[in-house]
Amino acid sequence: MYCSATTPRQLLYIENLKELYVLKNGPFTLKEAEYWCGGKPHAIRNICNSHFKKEGHHKNYFSL
């Protein structure tokens, strides 16, 4: 039953970025998020901007 279910890519990115935050035990940069997810940079940037809090001035860090 669960094997045939489909999950939107955006939800996968969000869960992967939450995992990155937990494993890193702190905020992550956009480059780290792109490397971690291995997806399209524009999509990952949009998800980070809409679902995570921005921190930092020169370098954008994202946190939960």
C-alpha atoms as a PDB file:
ATOM      1  CA  MET A   1       0.000   0.000   0.000  1.00  0.00           C
ATOM      2  CA  TYR A   2       2.686   2.531   0.953  1.00  0.00           C
ATOM      3  CA  CYS A   3       5.080   1.566  -1.793  1.00  0.00           C
ATOM      4  CA  SER A   4       2.718   2.806  -4.462  1.00  0.00           C
ATOM      5  CA  ALA A   5       2.207   6.207  -2.810  1.00  0.00           C
ATOM      6  CA  THR A   6       3.885   9.225  -4.349  1.00  0.00           C
ATOM      7  CA  THR A   7       5.427  12.063  -2.377  1.00  0.00           C
ATOM      8  CA  PRO A   8       5.822  15.550  -3.837  1.00  0.00           C
ATOM      9  CA  ARG A   9       9.438  16.549  -4.374  1.00  0.00           C
ATOM     10  CA  GLN A  10       8.987  19.694  -2.272  1.00  0.00           C
ATOM     11  CA  LEU A  11       8.092  17.596   0.798  1.00  0.00           C
ATOM     12  CA  LEU A  12      11.176  15.455   0.252  1.00  0.00           C
ATOM     13  CA  TYR A  13      13.376  18.556   0.114  1.00  0.00           C
ATOM     14  CA  ILE A  14      11.800  19.930   3.298  1.00  0.00           C
ATOM     15  CA  GLU A  15      12.343  16.681   5.204  1.00  0.00           C
ATOM     16  CA  ASN A  16      15.932  16.405   3.928  1.00  0.00           C
ATOM     17  CA  LEU A  17      16.682  19.979   5.001  1.00  0.00           C
ATOM     18  CA  LYS A  18      15.213  19.327   8.450  1.00  0.00           C
ATOM     19  CA  GLU A  19      17.496  16.299   8.684  1.00  0.00           C
ATOM     20  CA  LEU A  20      20.491  18.434   7.670  1.00  0.00           C
ATOM     21  CA  TYR A  21      19.626  20.945  10.388  1.00  0.00           C
ATOM     22  CA  VAL A  22      19.411  18.205  13.035  1.00  0.00           C
ATOM     23  CA  LEU A  23      22.602  16.453  11.947  1.00  0.00           C
ATOM     24  CA  LYS A  24      24.545  19.694  11.744  1.00  0.00           C
ATOM     25  CA  ASN A  25      23.074  20.804  15.079  1.00  0.00           C
ATOM     26  CA  GLY A  26      22.684  24.344  13.804  1.00  0.00           C
ATOM     27  CA  PRO A  27      21.881  26.558  10.821  1.00  0.00           C
ATOM     28  CA  PHE A  28      23.012  25.634   7.316  1.00  0.00           C
ATOM     29  CA  THR A  29      23.959  27.678   4.250  1.00  0.00           C
ATOM     30  CA  LEU A  30      22.297  27.534   0.866  1.00  0.00           C
ATOM     31  CA  LYS A  31      25.356  25.832  -0.635  1.00  0.00           C
ATOM     32  CA  GLU A  32      25.217  23.137   2.048  1.00  0.00           C
ATOM     33  CA  ALA A  33      21.513  22.647   1.348  1.00  0.00           C
ATOM     34  CA  GLU A  34      22.137  22.320  -2.391  1.00  0.00           C
ATOM     35  CA  TYR A  35      24.925  19.818  -1.812  1.00  0.00           C
ATOM     36  CA  TRP A  36      22.842  17.848   0.715  1.00  0.00           C
ATOM     37  CA  CYS A  37      19.706  17.600  -1.433  1.00  0.00           C
ATOM     38  CA  GLY A  38      21.394  17.352  -4.816  1.00  0.00           C
ATOM     39  CA  GLY A  39      18.444  18.977  -6.569  1.00  0.00           C
ATOM     40  CA  LYS A  40      17.779  22.100  -8.558  1.00  0.00           C
ATOM     41  CA  PRO A  41      19.350  25.113  -6.795  1.00  0.00           C
ATOM     42  CA  HIS A  42      16.432  27.409  -7.592  1.00  0.00           C
ATOM     43  CA  ALA A  43      13.887  25.014  -6.060  1.00  0.00           C
ATOM     44  CA  ILE A  44      15.990  24.519  -2.927  1.00  0.00           C
ATOM     45  CA  ARG A  45      16.436  28.283  -2.519  1.00  0.00           C
ATOM     46  CA  ASN A  46      12.678  28.835  -2.762  1.00  0.00           C
ATOM     47  CA  ILE A  47      12.005  26.151  -0.151  1.00  0.00           C
ATOM     48  CA  CYS A  48      14.629  27.560   2.218  1.00  0.00           C
ATOM     49  CA  ASN A  49      13.216  31.072   1.866  1.00  0.00           C
ATOM     50  CA  SER A  50       9.637  29.995   2.487  1.00  0.00           C
ATOM     51  CA  HIS A  51      10.001  27.252   5.132  1.00  0.00           C
ATOM     52  CA  PHE A  52      13.070  28.199   7.188  1.00  0.00           C
ATOM     53  CA  LYS A  53      14.180  31.271   9.124  1.00  0.00           C
ATOM     54  CA  LYS A  54      17.058  33.348   7.732  1.00  0.00           C
ATOM     55  CA  GLU A  55      19.972  34.182   9.994  1.00  0.00           C
ATOM     56  CA  GLY A  56      23.192  36.092   9.397  1.00  0.00           C
ATOM     57  CA  HIS A  57      24.031  39.248   7.496  1.00  0.00           C
ATOM     58  CA  HIS A  58      26.593  38.487   4.805  1.00  0.00           C
ATOM     59  CA  LYS A  59      25.998  34.778   4.406  1.00  0.00           C
ATOM     60  CA  ASN A  60      22.448  33.530   4.647  1.00  0.00           C
ATOM     61  CA  TYR A  61      22.028  30.782   7.183  1.00  0.00           C
ATOM     62  CA  PHE A  62      18.753  28.917   7.504  1.00  0.00           C
ATOM     63  CA  SER A  63      17.312  27.373  10.652  1.00  0.00           C
ATOM     64  CA  LEU A  64      14.045  25.920  11.904  1.00  0.00           C
END
